[in-house]
Amino acid sequence: MANVREEVQMLVQQLERQRDELQVKMSLAKLEARQEWEQLEKQYQHLKANSSQIQEEVGSTLRKTAEEIRDGYVRLRKLL
């Protein structure tokens, strides 16, 4: 369980760095990119709020959510 906790914490830290970088660019973003950002931000906040309560069965769901957010960030980078 500690491995899952550490893995998800690393994912959250990586997402936070990417999130911070993208936030700087958002002031110049297109409307489509802004809408994508808002959706990803809701998912990110949900992930961050729940990441401290990781249990084995929750770990895979959080990992999947983190991967979806990562993929969304990739799409958003292409729009910027």
N, C-alpha and C. Protein backbone atom coordinates (compact mmCIF):
# COMPACT_ATOMS: atom_id res chain seq x y z
N MET A 1 0.82 -1.20 0.00
CA MET A 1 0.00 0.00 0.00
C MET A 1 0.86 1.26 0.00
N ALA A 2 2.02 1.18 0.68
CA ALA A 2 2.91 2.34 0.70
C ALA A 2 3.40 2.66 -0.71
N ASN A 3 3.64 1.62 -1.53
CA ASN A 3 4.10 1.85 -2.90
C ASN A 3 3.04 2.59 -3.71
N VAL A 4 1.79 2.20 -3.54
CA VAL A 4 0.70 2.87 -4.26
C VAL A 4 0.61 4.31 -3.80
N ARG A 5 0.71 4.52 -2.50
CA ARG A 5 0.64 5.88 -1.95
C ARG A 5 1.76 6.74 -2.53
N GLU A 6 2.99 6.21 -2.54
CA GLU A 6 4.13 6.96 -3.07
C GLU A 6 3.97 7.22 -4.56
N GLU A 7 3.48 6.23 -5.29
CA GLU A 7 3.29 6.39 -6.73
C GLU A 7 2.28 7.49 -7.04
N VAL A 8 1.18 7.48 -6.32
CA VAL A 8 0.16 8.50 -6.57
C VAL A 8 0.64 9.87 -6.11
N GLN A 9 1.39 9.93 -5.01
CA GLN A 9 1.94 11.21 -4.57
C GLN A 9 2.90 11.77 -5.61
N MET A 10 3.71 10.90 -6.23
CA MET A 10 4.60 11.35 -7.30
C MET A 10 3.80 11.86 -8.49
N LEU A 11 2.72 11.15 -8.84
CA LEU A 11 1.87 11.60 -9.95
C LEU A 11 1.29 12.97 -9.64
N VAL A 12 0.81 13.16 -8.42
CA VAL A 12 0.22 14.46 -8.03
C VAL A 12 1.28 15.55 -8.12
N GLN A 13 2.51 15.28 -7.68
CA GLN A 13 3.57 16.27 -7.76
C GLN A 13 3.91 16.62 -9.21
N GLN A 14 3.97 15.61 -10.07
CA GLN A 14 4.24 15.86 -11.49
C GLN A 14 3.12 16.69 -12.11
N LEU A 15 1.89 16.34 -11.77
CA LEU A 15 0.75 17.09 -12.30
C LEU A 15 0.76 18.53 -11.80
N GLU A 16 1.15 18.72 -10.55
CA GLU A 16 1.20 20.06 -9.99
C GLU A 16 2.20 20.94 -10.75
N ARG A 17 3.37 20.35 -11.08
CA ARG A 17 4.37 21.11 -11.85
C ARG A 17 3.82 21.48 -13.23
N GLN A 18 3.20 20.49 -13.91
CA GLN A 18 2.63 20.76 -15.23
C GLN A 18 1.52 21.79 -15.13
N ARG A 19 0.71 21.66 -14.09
CA ARG A 19 -0.41 22.57 -13.86
C ARG A 19 0.11 24.01 -13.70
N ASP A 20 1.14 24.18 -12.90
CA ASP A 20 1.71 25.51 -12.68
C ASP A 20 2.23 26.12 -13.98
N GLU A 21 2.91 25.31 -14.80
CA GLU A 21 3.43 25.80 -16.08
C GLU A 21 2.29 26.25 -16.99
N LEU A 22 1.24 25.44 -17.06
CA LEU A 22 0.13 25.76 -17.95
C LEU A 22 -0.67 26.96 -17.46
N GLN A 23 -0.74 27.13 -16.15
CA GLN A 23 -1.49 28.26 -15.60
C GLN A 23 -0.90 29.58 -16.11
N VAL A 24 0.41 29.65 -16.24
CA VAL A 24 1.06 30.86 -16.73
C VAL A 24 0.63 31.17 -18.16
N LYS A 25 0.47 30.12 -18.97
CA LYS A 25 0.12 30.31 -20.37
C LYS A 25 -1.38 30.55 -20.59
N MET A 26 -2.20 30.30 -19.58
CA MET A 26 -3.64 30.36 -19.75
C MET A 26 -4.16 31.76 -20.07
N SER A 27 -3.45 32.78 -19.66
CA SER A 27 -3.92 34.14 -19.94
C SER A 27 -4.00 34.41 -21.43
N LEU A 28 -3.25 33.67 -22.22
CA LEU A 28 -3.25 33.86 -23.67
C LEU A 28 -4.01 32.76 -24.40
N ALA A 29 -4.65 31.91 -23.65
CA ALA A 29 -5.26 30.71 -24.24
C ALA A 29 -6.55 31.03 -25.01
N LYS A 30 -6.84 30.18 -25.96
CA LYS A 30 -8.09 30.25 -26.70
C LYS A 30 -9.24 29.80 -25.80
N LEU A 31 -10.44 30.14 -26.18
CA LEU A 31 -11.62 29.74 -25.41
C LEU A 31 -11.68 28.23 -25.26
N GLU A 32 -11.40 27.51 -26.32
CA GLU A 32 -11.43 26.05 -26.26
C GLU A 32 -10.43 25.53 -25.21
N ALA A 33 -9.27 26.11 -25.20
CA ALA A 33 -8.25 25.71 -24.23
C ALA A 33 -8.70 26.05 -22.81
N ARG A 34 -9.33 27.19 -22.64
CA ARG A 34 -9.81 27.59 -21.32
C ARG A 34 -10.88 26.62 -20.81
N GLN A 35 -11.77 26.19 -21.69
CA GLN A 35 -12.80 25.23 -21.29
C GLN A 35 -12.17 23.89 -20.90
N GLU A 36 -11.18 23.46 -21.66
CA GLU A 36 -10.45 22.22 -21.34
C GLU A 36 -9.78 22.36 -19.98
N TRP A 37 -9.17 23.53 -19.74
CA TRP A 37 -8.50 23.79 -18.46
C TRP A 37 -9.49 23.69 -17.31
N GLU A 38 -10.65 24.28 -17.45
CA GLU A 38 -11.63 24.26 -16.37
C GLU A 38 -12.06 22.83 -16.03
N GLN A 39 -12.26 22.02 -17.04
CA GLN A 39 -12.62 20.62 -16.81
C GLN A 39 -11.48 19.87 -16.10
N LEU A 40 -10.26 20.07 -16.57
CA LEU A 40 -9.10 19.42 -15.96
C LEU A 40 -8.87 19.92 -14.54
N GLU A 41 -9.12 21.18 -14.30
CA GLU A 41 -8.93 21.75 -12.97
C GLU A 41 -9.88 21.09 -11.96
N LYS A 42 -11.13 20.85 -12.36
CA LYS A 42 -12.08 20.16 -11.47
C LYS A 42 -11.57 18.77 -11.13
N GLN A 43 -11.09 18.04 -12.14
CA GLN A 43 -10.56 16.70 -11.90
C GLN A 43 -9.32 16.76 -11.01
N TYR A 44 -8.46 17.73 -11.25
CA TYR A 44 -7.24 17.87 -10.46
C TYR A 44 -7.57 18.13 -8.99
N GLN A 45 -8.49 19.05 -8.74
CA GLN A 45 -8.87 19.36 -7.37
C GLN A 45 -9.45 18.13 -6.67
N HIS A 46 -10.25 17.35 -7.38
CA HIS A 46 -10.81 16.12 -6.84
C HIS A 46 -9.70 15.13 -6.51
N LEU A 47 -8.76 14.96 -7.43
CA LEU A 47 -7.64 14.05 -7.22
C LEU A 47 -6.81 14.47 -6.02
N LYS A 48 -6.49 15.74 -5.94
CA LYS A 48 -5.64 16.24 -4.86
C LYS A 48 -6.33 16.07 -3.51
N ALA A 49 -7.63 16.33 -3.46
CA ALA A 49 -8.37 16.19 -2.21
C ALA A 49 -8.42 14.74 -1.74
N ASN A 50 -8.44 13.81 -2.67
CA ASN A 50 -8.58 12.40 -2.31
C ASN A 50 -7.25 11.66 -2.22
N SER A 51 -6.17 12.23 -2.69
CA SER A 51 -4.91 11.50 -2.75
C SER A 51 -4.34 11.17 -1.38
N SER A 52 -4.67 11.95 -0.36
CA SER A 52 -4.14 11.67 0.97
C SER A 52 -4.84 10.50 1.65
N GLN A 53 -5.95 10.05 1.10
CA GLN A 53 -6.72 8.96 1.69
C GLN A 53 -6.64 7.70 0.83
N ILE A 54 -5.47 7.47 0.28
CA ILE A 54 -5.32 6.36 -0.66
C ILE A 54 -5.42 5.03 0.07
N GLN A 55 -6.19 4.16 -0.50
CA GLN A 55 -6.24 2.76 -0.10
C GLN A 55 -6.02 1.96 -1.36
N GLU A 56 -5.68 0.71 -1.20
CA GLU A 56 -5.32 -0.12 -2.36
C GLU A 56 -6.36 -0.09 -3.45
N GLU A 57 -7.65 -0.24 -3.11
CA GLU A 57 -8.69 -0.27 -4.13
C GLU A 57 -8.94 1.09 -4.77
N VAL A 58 -8.56 2.13 -4.08
CA VAL A 58 -8.74 3.48 -4.60
C VAL A 58 -7.55 3.88 -5.48
N GLY A 59 -6.40 3.28 -5.22
CA GLY A 59 -5.17 3.64 -5.92
C GLY A 59 -5.29 3.57 -7.42
N SER A 60 -5.89 2.49 -7.94
CA SER A 60 -5.98 2.35 -9.40
C SER A 60 -6.91 3.40 -10.00
N THR A 61 -7.97 3.74 -9.29
CA THR A 61 -8.89 4.78 -9.78
C THR A 61 -8.19 6.13 -9.82
N LEU A 62 -7.45 6.45 -8.76
CA LEU A 62 -6.72 7.72 -8.73
C LEU A 62 -5.64 7.75 -9.80
N ARG A 63 -4.98 6.62 -10.01
CA ARG A 63 -3.96 6.53 -11.05
C ARG A 63 -4.58 6.80 -12.42
N LYS A 64 -5.75 6.20 -12.66
CA LYS A 64 -6.43 6.41 -13.95
C LYS A 64 -6.81 7.88 -14.12
N THR A 65 -7.32 8.49 -13.05
CA THR A 65 -7.69 9.90 -13.12
C THR A 65 -6.47 10.76 -13.40
N ALA A 66 -5.36 10.44 -12.74
CA ALA A 66 -4.11 11.19 -12.98
C ALA A 66 -3.67 11.05 -14.42
N GLU A 67 -3.79 9.86 -14.98
CA GLU A 67 -3.41 9.64 -16.37
C GLU A 67 -4.33 10.42 -17.31
N GLU A 68 -5.62 10.48 -17.00
CA GLU A 68 -6.56 11.24 -17.83
C GLU A 68 -6.22 12.72 -17.80
N ILE A 69 -5.86 13.22 -16.61
CA ILE A 69 -5.48 14.63 -16.50
C ILE A 69 -4.20 14.88 -17.28
N ARG A 70 -3.22 13.97 -17.16
CA ARG A 70 -1.97 14.10 -17.91
C ARG A 70 -2.24 14.16 -19.41
N ASP A 71 -3.12 13.26 -19.89
CA ASP A 71 -3.46 13.27 -21.32
C ASP A 71 -4.17 14.56 -21.70
N GLY A 72 -5.00 15.07 -20.81
CA GLY A 72 -5.67 16.34 -21.06
C GLY A 72 -4.67 17.49 -21.14
N TYR A 73 -3.66 17.46 -20.28
CA TYR A 73 -2.62 18.49 -20.33
C TYR A 73 -1.88 18.43 -21.66
N VAL A 74 -1.64 17.24 -22.17
CA VAL A 74 -1.00 17.08 -23.48
C VAL A 74 -1.86 17.72 -24.56
N ARG A 75 -3.18 17.43 -24.52
CA ARG A 75 -4.10 18.04 -25.50
C ARG A 75 -4.09 19.56 -25.37
N LEU A 76 -4.08 20.04 -24.14
CA LEU A 76 -4.10 21.48 -23.89
C LEU A 76 -2.82 22.14 -24.40
N ARG A 77 -1.68 21.52 -24.21
CA ARG A 77 -0.43 22.07 -24.72
C ARG A 77 -0.48 22.25 -26.23
N LYS A 78 -1.14 21.30 -26.92
CA LYS A 78 -1.25 21.38 -28.37
C LYS A 78 -2.12 22.56 -28.79
N LEU A 79 -3.08 22.94 -27.94
CA LEU A 79 -3.97 24.05 -28.25
C LEU A 79 -3.31 25.41 -28.02
N LEU A 80 -2.27 25.43 -27.20
CA LEU A 80 -1.63 26.71 -26.84
C LEU A 80 -0.59 27.12 -27.85
